[in-house]
């Protein structure tokens, strides 16, 4: 039976092979890495990071649960069969220059119109600035509210396109029935589920 360390190392090795299948030149040197992709509408996204060991750091993204890690899992890596996946590039820099270069490249990509997936303007030391809103972790009730909003949006769309909803003729003028119709319409308003 494999130990947990062996399992982790096996997953890391597998993830390194995935990284190398996208860019065979990634190595264990220090530098800045660039994850880029374009979606179906041509909108360009980027994430810029620094690493003392590029290949190991990129492989960690494939096992992590941060926002960029989840996006890598969702969209996959670039390939002939996945043209909307993430591409990988990098530049080598000495470890003591990583903060400076990471900040430079984040600004450069932002100026060039990329939608950045970075949460900060880069760097590991003092002066680290937030550039993206941190979202609180979603809990059970947040998921319920999101489900209600999604259902309300979908039902509203179906009704607008295909259905007519109203009171039965014998219920017109009935206050209780009219209140129930109002309640039904509120249930279809996704804004009513906002906090």
Protein backbone atom coordinates (compact mmCIF):
# COMPACT_ATOMS: atom_id res chain seq x y z
CA UNK A 1 0.00 0.00 0.00
CA UNK A 2 1.38 3.38 -1.03
CA UNK A 3 1.94 5.99 1.61
CA UNK A 4 0.35 9.43 1.30
CA UNK A 5 3.71 10.93 0.34
CA UNK A 6 4.08 8.43 -2.52
CA UNK A 7 0.58 9.26 -3.74
CA UNK A 8 1.27 13.00 -3.65
CA UNK A 9 4.56 12.50 -5.53
CA UNK A 10 2.79 10.35 -8.15
CA UNK A 11 0.13 13.03 -8.70
CA UNK A 12 2.80 15.74 -8.90
CA UNK A 13 4.74 13.69 -11.47
CA UNK A 14 1.57 13.19 -13.54
CA UNK A 15 0.81 16.93 -13.35
CA UNK A 16 4.35 17.77 -14.48
CA UNK A 17 3.84 15.58 -17.54
CA UNK A 18 0.62 17.50 -18.31
CA UNK A 19 2.48 20.82 -18.04
CA UNK A 20 5.25 19.56 -20.32
CA UNK A 21 2.69 18.40 -22.87
CA UNK A 22 1.62 22.05 -23.23
CA UNK A 23 5.12 23.57 -23.11
CA UNK A 24 8.02 21.09 -23.22
CA UNK A 25 10.54 23.80 -22.29
CA UNK A 26 9.26 24.42 -18.75
CA UNK A 27 12.04 23.60 -16.28
CA UNK A 28 12.78 23.88 -12.57
CA UNK A 29 14.56 27.25 -12.82
CA UNK A 30 13.18 30.37 -11.17
CA UNK A 31 11.09 32.80 -13.16
CA UNK A 32 7.75 34.28 -14.07
CA UNK A 33 5.08 32.12 -15.68
CA UNK A 34 2.20 33.25 -17.87
CA UNK A 35 -1.06 31.34 -18.15
CA UNK A 36 -3.17 32.70 -21.01
CA UNK A 37 -6.34 31.70 -22.81
CA UNK A 38 -8.98 33.16 -25.08
CA UNK A 39 -12.62 32.17 -24.84
CA UNK A 40 -15.17 31.53 -27.57
CA UNK A 41 -15.80 35.30 -27.88
CA UNK A 42 -12.14 36.20 -28.23
CA UNK A 43 -11.86 37.62 -24.69
CA UNK A 44 -8.31 37.10 -23.45
CA UNK A 45 -7.54 35.99 -19.90
CA UNK A 46 -4.21 35.80 -18.11
CA UNK A 47 -2.68 34.79 -14.82
CA UNK A 48 0.90 35.76 -14.06
CA UNK A 49 2.83 34.12 -11.23
CA UNK A 50 6.34 33.70 -9.91
CA UNK A 51 8.13 30.54 -8.93
CA UNK A 52 11.46 29.45 -7.56
CA UNK A 53 10.85 26.16 -9.39
CA UNK A 54 8.62 26.77 -12.42
CA UNK A 55 7.64 23.20 -13.30
CA UNK A 56 6.82 22.24 -9.72
CA UNK A 57 4.77 25.41 -9.14
CA UNK A 58 2.77 24.97 -12.34
CA UNK A 59 2.11 21.31 -11.46
CA UNK A 60 0.79 22.44 -8.06
CA UNK A 61 -1.84 24.58 -9.80
CA UNK A 62 -3.34 21.40 -11.29
CA UNK A 63 -3.97 19.99 -7.80
CA UNK A 64 -4.93 23.16 -5.95
CA UNK A 65 -8.23 24.85 -5.15
CA UNK A 66 -7.47 28.55 -5.63
CA UNK A 67 -9.38 30.50 -8.28
CA UNK A 68 -6.78 29.94 -11.03
CA UNK A 69 -6.46 26.26 -10.10
CA UNK A 70 -10.20 25.79 -10.50
CA UNK A 71 -10.14 27.62 -13.84
CA UNK A 72 -7.37 25.32 -15.06
CA UNK A 73 -9.53 22.34 -14.12
CA UNK A 74 -12.63 23.82 -15.73
CA UNK A 75 -11.07 24.94 -19.03
CA UNK A 76 -8.21 22.45 -19.24
CA UNK A 77 -4.88 22.92 -20.92
CA UNK A 78 -4.48 24.13 -24.49
CA UNK A 79 -4.29 21.43 -27.17
CA UNK A 80 -5.50 20.85 -30.73
CA UNK A 81 -8.69 19.44 -29.26
CA UNK A 82 -9.07 22.24 -26.70
CA UNK A 83 -8.29 25.57 -28.36
CA UNK A 84 -9.90 27.47 -25.45
CA UNK A 85 -7.63 25.90 -22.84
CA UNK A 86 -4.81 27.57 -20.94
CA UNK A 87 -1.43 28.09 -22.64
CA UNK A 88 1.81 28.20 -20.66
CA UNK A 89 4.81 30.48 -21.18
CA UNK A 90 7.60 31.63 -18.89
CA UNK A 91 10.70 33.78 -18.59
CA UNK A 92 13.69 33.00 -16.37
CA UNK A 93 14.66 35.55 -13.70
CA UNK A 94 16.83 35.30 -10.59
CA UNK A 95 14.90 34.62 -7.38
CA UNK A 96 15.76 38.02 -5.92
CA UNK A 97 14.10 39.77 -8.91
CA UNK A 98 10.85 37.80 -9.03
CA UNK A 99 8.67 40.36 -7.20
CA UNK A 100 9.78 43.20 -9.46
CA UNK A 101 9.27 41.25 -12.69
CA UNK A 102 5.95 39.74 -11.61
CA UNK A 103 4.56 43.22 -10.90
CA UNK A 104 5.90 44.52 -14.22
CA UNK A 105 4.28 41.73 -16.25
CA UNK A 106 0.93 41.94 -14.44
CA UNK A 107 0.76 45.65 -15.30
CA UNK A 108 1.84 44.98 -18.90
CA UNK A 109 -0.84 42.31 -19.46
CA UNK A 110 -3.49 44.53 -17.87
CA UNK A 111 -2.54 47.41 -20.19
CA UNK A 112 -2.73 45.05 -23.16
CA UNK A 113 -6.38 44.24 -22.44
CA UNK A 114 -6.15 40.89 -20.71
CA UNK A 115 -8.75 40.02 -18.08
CA UNK A 116 -6.44 39.19 -15.21
CA UNK A 117 -7.15 36.29 -12.91
CA UNK A 118 -4.58 37.56 -10.39
CA UNK A 119 -5.96 38.75 -7.06
CA UNK A 120 -3.00 41.05 -6.35
CA UNK A 121 -0.60 43.21 -8.36
CA UNK A 122 2.17 40.71 -7.63
CA UNK A 123 5.06 40.33 -5.28
CA UNK A 124 5.50 38.46 -2.05
CA UNK A 125 6.74 41.24 0.21
CA UNK A 126 5.47 44.51 1.59
CA UNK A 127 3.39 46.79 -0.60
CA UNK A 128 1.42 43.91 -2.11
CA UNK A 129 -1.76 45.47 -3.53
CA UNK A 130 -5.11 43.82 -4.10
CA UNK A 131 -6.36 44.24 -7.68
CA UNK A 132 -9.32 41.90 -7.68
CA UNK A 133 -12.16 41.57 -5.26
CA UNK A 134 -11.78 38.71 -2.83
CA UNK A 135 -14.97 36.74 -2.73
CA UNK A 136 -15.92 35.09 0.51
CA UNK A 137 -16.22 31.34 0.43
CA UNK A 138 -19.72 30.24 -0.40
CA UNK A 139 -21.60 28.15 2.09
CA UNK A 140 -24.68 25.97 2.02
CA UNK A 141 -27.21 28.83 2.14
CA UNK A 142 -25.36 30.75 -0.58
CA UNK A 143 -25.73 27.68 -2.79
CA UNK A 144 -29.46 27.47 -2.03
CA UNK A 145 -29.92 31.16 -2.91
CA UNK A 146 -27.95 30.73 -6.15
CA UNK A 147 -30.11 27.74 -7.07
CA UNK A 148 -33.28 29.78 -6.50
CA UNK A 149 -31.93 32.66 -8.64
CA UNK A 150 -31.03 30.27 -11.43
CA UNK A 151 -34.44 28.56 -11.31
CA UNK A 152 -36.26 31.91 -11.23
CA UNK A 153 -34.27 33.15 -14.25
CA UNK A 154 -34.96 29.97 -16.23
CA UNK A 155 -38.70 29.89 -15.42
CA UNK A 156 -39.06 33.60 -16.25
CA UNK A 157 -37.40 33.01 -19.60
CA UNK A 158 -39.69 30.08 -20.41
CA UNK A 159 -42.78 32.07 -19.43
CA UNK A 160 -41.78 35.14 -21.47
CA UNK A 161 -41.16 33.04 -24.57
CA UNK A 162 -43.84 30.37 -24.39
CA UNK A 163 -46.51 30.74 -21.70
CA UNK A 164 -49.30 32.96 -20.51
CA UNK A 165 -49.94 32.86 -16.78
CA UNK A 166 -53.04 34.30 -15.20
CA UNK A 167 -55.95 33.57 -12.92
CA UNK A 168 -58.67 31.10 -13.81
CA UNK A 169 -61.78 32.97 -14.96
CA UNK A 170 -63.74 31.92 -11.88
CA UNK A 171 -60.95 33.26 -9.61
CA UNK A 172 -60.75 36.77 -11.14
CA UNK A 173 -61.64 39.36 -8.51
CA UNK A 174 -60.85 36.91 -5.69
CA UNK A 175 -58.41 38.68 -3.34
CA UNK A 176 -56.78 35.45 -2.14
CA UNK A 177 -56.21 34.27 -5.72
CA UNK A 178 -54.83 37.66 -6.75
CA UNK A 179 -52.37 37.58 -3.83
CA UNK A 180 -51.28 34.08 -4.87
CA UNK A 181 -50.60 35.33 -8.42
CA UNK A 182 -48.50 38.18 -6.98
CA UNK A 183 -46.62 35.67 -4.83
CA UNK A 184 -46.01 33.48 -7.88
CA UNK A 185 -44.64 36.42 -9.85
CA UNK A 186 -42.30 37.33 -6.95
CA UNK A 187 -40.98 33.77 -7.00
CA UNK A 188 -40.00 34.30 -10.66
CA UNK A 189 -38.08 37.49 -9.87
CA UNK A 190 -34.43 36.48 -9.37
CA UNK A 191 -33.74 39.83 -7.67
CA UNK A 192 -35.94 38.73 -4.78
CA UNK A 193 -33.24 36.16 -3.89
CA UNK A 194 -30.41 38.71 -3.69
CA UNK A 195 -29.02 39.50 -0.27
